[in-house]
Amino acid sequence: MPPSASAPPAVPPEFAQALRELGLADGGHLTGVPLTGGVSSDIWRIDTAHGPVCAKRALPKLRVAADWHAPIERNLYEARWMSVADAAVPGSAPRVLGQHPGLGVLVMSYHAPAEHRLWKERLREGEADLETARQVGRSLVSIQAYSAASAELSGRFDSDAIFFDIRLEPYLLATARQHPELAARLEELVAQTQSNKLALVHGDVSPKNILLGPRGPVFLDAECAWWGDPAFDLAFCLNHLLLKCLWTPRARDDFLCCFDALAKAYLEGVDWEPRAAIEHRAAALLPGLFLARVDGKSPVEYLTSDAQRQAVRRVARQLLLHPVARLAEVRDKWCEELQR
């Protein structure tokens, strides 16, 4: 994330204290700049004698319009997710330099914007590269396959309550309250997601959290890290490629091709369960997440017209009431809506 344009204030004392107590800073004055883009954490680039680092501190209340609270200890699980991801696919996550439980500060390697560009920015400009989509799918499934083969990791991610607070409740259950006729189905999806404890889940695999660097995708912001259903990550990421069709309409067909490429690359790497099983769960979950980005606690900022939101609602409602088993069927329903 690029530095904010405003003049940088002093490094917050919690950050300075954490860096010093973690042995990541000398006794001198620390300088840095706040980074933009986070709704759930304060994030800074801090310049130390050994070079820049990225530090973040989880907020108890997220910066959204809805009343949305989450436990601040979540960045402990984020640090653990990054360590597992980097072991599974070297370079796929920032390197963890330290985590201060008492202050809730996570310190990690800093990725310079000159070499690492956000995938969201490229999509906004209509750059829908198929190989990038494939790389995201391959890296994600490789991390999950690595974790699924190491069941002992599950004990390090006892974050069921956090995942509920910052994913299942604000997305699916908050949406259910807005659509009583769909509430039973959305509640079923929550139960489905909670009952499949199979692998390590990132929880926020979004283009805004994926840097494209010289070594491939780098996944950021794993605050929702959880041992659970990997279908959630697949559906969550694919959801954004569908929504981007409304954000940058001229690249619509290319975004849908990226949807197919990412899904195919991901499913080819699934080795911990039958591929049809995880695809079925992802296809069932996707329309719930689709609707949540309009009527949940975290609506996407770029759907600004009622016509756009109604298009999402029509397709999501149809697919929630009449679930499909294949991701391509979800894509096809959305394509039909876009061609109306």
Foldseek 3Di string as FASTA:
>chain_A
DDFDPDDADADDPLVVVQCVVLVNADPDGKDWTWHDDFQFWTWIFIQHPVGTKIKIWGDQAGNFPDGAGFDRQLVQLVLVLQVLLCVQPNPQAFHWSDADNVSSMTITHDDDCVFWPQQVVCLLVLNQDQVLLLLLLQSLLSSFVSFLVVVVCQVVFPCPVRLCRPPLCQQQVQLCVVPVVLVVLSVVLVVVFAVAQGGKEQNQPESRQWIQGPSGIHGDDSSSIHRTQNLNNLLNHLLRLLLSCVSDVVNNVSSLSSSVSSLVSNLVSDDRDHSLVSQQSNQQCNLSNLLRLLRGRHNDPRPDDPVSNVLSVVLSVVCSVPPDRHPVVSSVSSVVSVVD
